Amino acid sequence: MMYVPAVWTLRKSDENILEVWERKLVRNKIGPVKENGVWKIRAIQELMGLYRGANIVSEIGKERL
């Protein structure tokens, strides 16, 4: 995924698609949580708080400089 940024011009729609894809990967990696015997999908803010990795859109921007 990271070899393309040198020649790829990101539009806002591309950024949105990448951010959604990244959230899906993070949600899959971290997984749901069991609260009071019920499984719950974590909120985006909770996921990103637990996942301390870099944002893929910002990483692509760094690669282009």
C-alpha atoms as a PDB file:
ATOM      1  CA  MET A   1       0.000   0.000   0.000  1.00  0.00           C
ATOM      2  CA  MET A   2       2.831   2.385   0.721  1.00  0.00           C
ATOM      3  CA  TYR A   3       4.755   2.064  -2.584  1.00  0.00           C
ATOM      4  CA  VAL A   4       2.154   3.991  -4.611  1.00  0.00           C
ATOM      5  CA  PRO A   5       2.160   7.418  -2.847  1.00  0.00           C
ATOM      6  CA  ALA A   6       5.082   8.816  -4.827  1.00  0.00           C
ATOM      7  CA  VAL A   7       2.938   9.003  -7.964  1.00  0.00           C
ATOM      8  CA  TRP A   8      -0.615   8.882  -6.618  1.00  0.00           C
ATOM      9  CA  THR A   9      -2.538  12.133  -6.243  1.00  0.00           C
ATOM     10  CA  LEU A  10      -4.981  11.777  -3.360  1.00  0.00           C
ATOM     11  CA  ARG A  11      -8.365  13.355  -3.727  1.00  0.00           C
ATOM     12  CA  LYS A  12     -10.618  13.880  -0.725  1.00  0.00           C
ATOM     13  CA  SER A  13     -12.739  10.899  -1.799  1.00  0.00           C
ATOM     14  CA  ASP A  14      -9.592   8.742  -1.917  1.00  0.00           C
ATOM     15  CA  GLU A  15      -8.656   9.900   1.579  1.00  0.00           C
ATOM     16  CA  ASN A  16     -12.116   8.984   2.865  1.00  0.00           C
ATOM     17  CA  ILE A  17     -11.902   5.507   1.317  1.00  0.00           C
ATOM     18  CA  LEU A  18      -8.468   4.929   2.865  1.00  0.00           C
ATOM     19  CA  GLU A  19      -9.644   6.102   6.291  1.00  0.00           C
ATOM     20  CA  VAL A  20     -12.644   3.755   6.196  1.00  0.00           C
ATOM     21  CA  TRP A  21     -10.372   0.888   5.112  1.00  0.00           C
ATOM     22  CA  GLU A  22      -7.952   1.678   7.946  1.00  0.00           C
ATOM     23  CA  ARG A  23     -10.753   1.724  10.543  1.00  0.00           C
ATOM     24  CA  LYS A  24     -11.991  -1.649   9.314  1.00  0.00           C
ATOM     25  CA  LEU A  25      -8.509  -3.109   9.660  1.00  0.00           C
ATOM     26  CA  VAL A  26      -8.075  -1.665  13.150  1.00  0.00           C
ATOM     27  CA  ARG A  27     -11.525  -2.852  14.228  1.00  0.00           C
ATOM     28  CA  ASN A  28     -10.714  -6.337  12.944  1.00  0.00           C
ATOM     29  CA  LYS A  29      -7.301  -6.365  14.642  1.00  0.00           C
ATOM     30  CA  ILE A  30      -8.461  -5.135  18.057  1.00  0.00           C
ATOM     31  CA  GLY A  31     -11.867  -6.811  18.004  1.00  0.00           C
ATOM     32  CA  PRO A  32     -15.054  -6.367  20.036  1.00  0.00           C
ATOM     33  CA  VAL A  33     -15.302  -6.184  23.817  1.00  0.00           C
ATOM     34  CA  LYS A  34     -17.582  -8.117  26.152  1.00  0.00           C
ATOM     35  CA  GLU A  35     -19.480  -5.906  28.601  1.00  0.00           C
ATOM     36  CA  ASN A  36     -21.974  -7.382  31.061  1.00  0.00           C
ATOM     37  CA  GLY A  37     -22.086 -10.613  29.081  1.00  0.00           C
ATOM     38  CA  VAL A  38     -22.878  -8.844  25.793  1.00  0.00           C
ATOM     39  CA  TRP A  39     -20.419  -8.421  22.924  1.00  0.00           C
ATOM     40  CA  LYS A  40     -20.136  -4.837  21.708  1.00  0.00           C
ATOM     41  CA  ILE A  41     -18.335  -3.298  18.741  1.00  0.00           C
ATOM     42  CA  ARG A  42     -15.971  -0.579  19.896  1.00  0.00           C
ATOM     43  CA  ALA A  43     -16.561   3.036  18.873  1.00  0.00           C
ATOM     44  CA  ILE A  44     -14.130   4.708  16.475  1.00  0.00           C
ATOM     45  CA  GLN A  45     -12.723   6.972  19.207  1.00  0.00           C
ATOM     46  CA  GLU A  46     -12.131   3.991  21.466  1.00  0.00           C
ATOM     47  CA  LEU A  47     -10.427   2.061  18.657  1.00  0.00           C
ATOM     48  CA  MET A  48      -8.117   4.885  17.725  1.00  0.00           C
ATOM     49  CA  GLY A  49      -7.294   5.452  21.395  1.00  0.00           C
ATOM     50  CA  LEU A  50      -6.231   1.820  21.698  1.00  0.00           C
ATOM     51  CA  TYR A  51      -4.432   1.793  18.349  1.00  0.00           C
ATOM     52  CA  ARG A  52      -1.473   4.116  18.534  1.00  0.00           C
ATOM     53  CA  GLY A  53      -0.368   3.585  14.940  1.00  0.00           C
ATOM     54  CA  ALA A  54      -0.009   6.363  12.405  1.00  0.00           C
ATOM     55  CA  ASN A  55      -2.871   7.461  10.207  1.00  0.00           C
ATOM     56  CA  ILE A  56      -2.432   6.017   6.703  1.00  0.00           C
ATOM     57  CA  VAL A  57      -3.369   9.287   4.972  1.00  0.00           C
ATOM     58  CA  SER A  58      -0.733  11.233   6.933  1.00  0.00           C
ATOM     59  CA  GLU A  59       1.850   8.523   6.225  1.00  0.00           C
ATOM     60  CA  ILE A  60       1.138   8.783   2.488  1.00  0.00           C
ATOM     61  CA  GLY A  61       1.595  12.545   2.747  1.00  0.00           C
ATOM     62  CA  LYS A  62       4.995  12.084   4.404  1.00  0.00           C
ATOM     63  CA  GLU A  63       6.100   9.694   1.658  1.00  0.00           C
ATOM     64  CA  ARG A  64       5.317  12.261  -1.024  1.00  0.00           C
ATOM     65  CA  LEU A  65       7.558  14.982   0.431  1.00  0.00           C
END
